[in-house]
Amino acid sequence: MYKKEVYSIGEASEFANVSHWEFSQLLKKYKIHVNYDTEEFEHDLKMIFWK
């Protein structure tokens, strides 16, 4: 569902009952592209007070 962009990485990792880090490693293992756009990047920057 993550690959089809139905779930976000957070939703998918929660569904799989693994941490975000573990889910990211699974994506890498199975050569699944990480969906991460500019809007998500800007949100992350705000969350760590870079903006």
C-alpha atoms as a PDB file:
ATOM      1  CA  MET A   1       0.000   0.000   0.000  1.00  0.00           C
ATOM      2  CA  TYR A   2       2.980   2.292   0.575  1.00  0.00           C
ATOM      3  CA  LYS A   3       4.320   1.603  -2.899  1.00  0.00           C
ATOM      4  CA  LYS A   4       0.907   2.475  -4.364  1.00  0.00           C
ATOM      5  CA  GLU A   5       0.950   5.709  -2.283  1.00  0.00           C
ATOM      6  CA  VAL A   6      -2.151   4.706  -0.333  1.00  0.00           C
ATOM      7  CA  TYR A   7      -0.261   4.806   3.002  1.00  0.00           C
ATOM      8  CA  SER A   8       2.355   7.285   4.143  1.00  0.00           C
ATOM      9  CA  ILE A   9       5.616   5.908   5.497  1.00  0.00           C
ATOM     10  CA  GLY A  10       4.318   6.511   9.023  1.00  0.00           C
ATOM     11  CA  GLU A  11       1.050   4.717   8.348  1.00  0.00           C
ATOM     12  CA  ALA A  12       2.804   1.847   6.596  1.00  0.00           C
ATOM     13  CA  SER A  13       5.359   1.364   9.356  1.00  0.00           C
ATOM     14  CA  GLU A  14       2.578   1.422  11.950  1.00  0.00           C
ATOM     15  CA  PHE A  15       0.573  -1.102   9.918  1.00  0.00           C
ATOM     16  CA  ALA A  16       3.661  -3.328   9.635  1.00  0.00           C
ATOM     17  CA  ASN A  17       4.272  -2.876  13.383  1.00  0.00           C
ATOM     18  CA  VAL A  18       7.877  -1.736  12.890  1.00  0.00           C
ATOM     19  CA  SER A  19       9.698   1.533  13.509  1.00  0.00           C
ATOM     20  CA  HIS A  20      10.141   4.132  10.765  1.00  0.00           C
ATOM     21  CA  TRP A  21      13.822   3.168  10.642  1.00  0.00           C
ATOM     22  CA  GLU A  22      13.039  -0.544  10.215  1.00  0.00           C
ATOM     23  CA  PHE A  23      10.448   0.235   7.551  1.00  0.00           C
ATOM     24  CA  SER A  24      12.958   2.390   5.676  1.00  0.00           C
ATOM     25  CA  GLN A  25      15.418  -0.490   5.760  1.00  0.00           C
ATOM     26  CA  LEU A  26      12.750  -2.828   4.360  1.00  0.00           C
ATOM     27  CA  LEU A  27      12.092  -0.382   1.525  1.00  0.00           C
ATOM     28  CA  LYS A  28      15.788  -0.367   0.753  1.00  0.00           C
ATOM     29  CA  LYS A  29      15.994  -4.161   0.932  1.00  0.00           C
ATOM     30  CA  TYR A  30      13.128  -4.579  -1.529  1.00  0.00           C
ATOM     31  CA  LYS A  31      14.296  -1.666  -3.715  1.00  0.00           C
ATOM     32  CA  ILE A  32      11.121   0.357  -3.204  1.00  0.00           C
ATOM     33  CA  HIS A  33      11.472   4.067  -3.892  1.00  0.00           C
ATOM     34  CA  VAL A  34      10.888   6.331  -0.887  1.00  0.00           C
ATOM     35  CA  ASN A  35       8.094   8.830  -1.563  1.00  0.00           C
ATOM     36  CA  TYR A  36       9.415  12.085  -0.143  1.00  0.00           C
ATOM     37  CA  ASP A  37       8.444  15.318  -1.834  1.00  0.00           C
ATOM     38  CA  THR A  38       9.304  18.976  -1.292  1.00  0.00           C
ATOM     39  CA  GLU A  39       6.247  19.588   0.887  1.00  0.00           C
ATOM     40  CA  GLU A  40       7.246  16.765   3.246  1.00  0.00           C
ATOM     41  CA  PHE A  41      10.822  18.062   3.350  1.00  0.00           C
ATOM     42  CA  GLU A  42       9.669  21.576   4.265  1.00  0.00           C
ATOM     43  CA  HIS A  43       7.407  20.135   6.944  1.00  0.00           C
ATOM     44  CA  ASP A  44      10.318  18.172   8.402  1.00  0.00           C
ATOM     45  CA  LEU A  45      12.484  21.293   8.434  1.00  0.00           C
ATOM     46  CA  LYS A  46       9.806  23.181  10.350  1.00  0.00           C
ATOM     47  CA  MET A  47       9.567  20.331  12.815  1.00  0.00           C
ATOM     48  CA  ILE A  48      13.267  20.598  13.647  1.00  0.00           C
ATOM     49  CA  PHE A  49      13.131  24.412  13.758  1.00  0.00           C
ATOM     50  CA  TRP A  50      15.283  25.087  10.710  1.00  0.00           C
ATOM     51  CA  LYS A  51      12.881  27.505   9.198  1.00  0.00           C
END
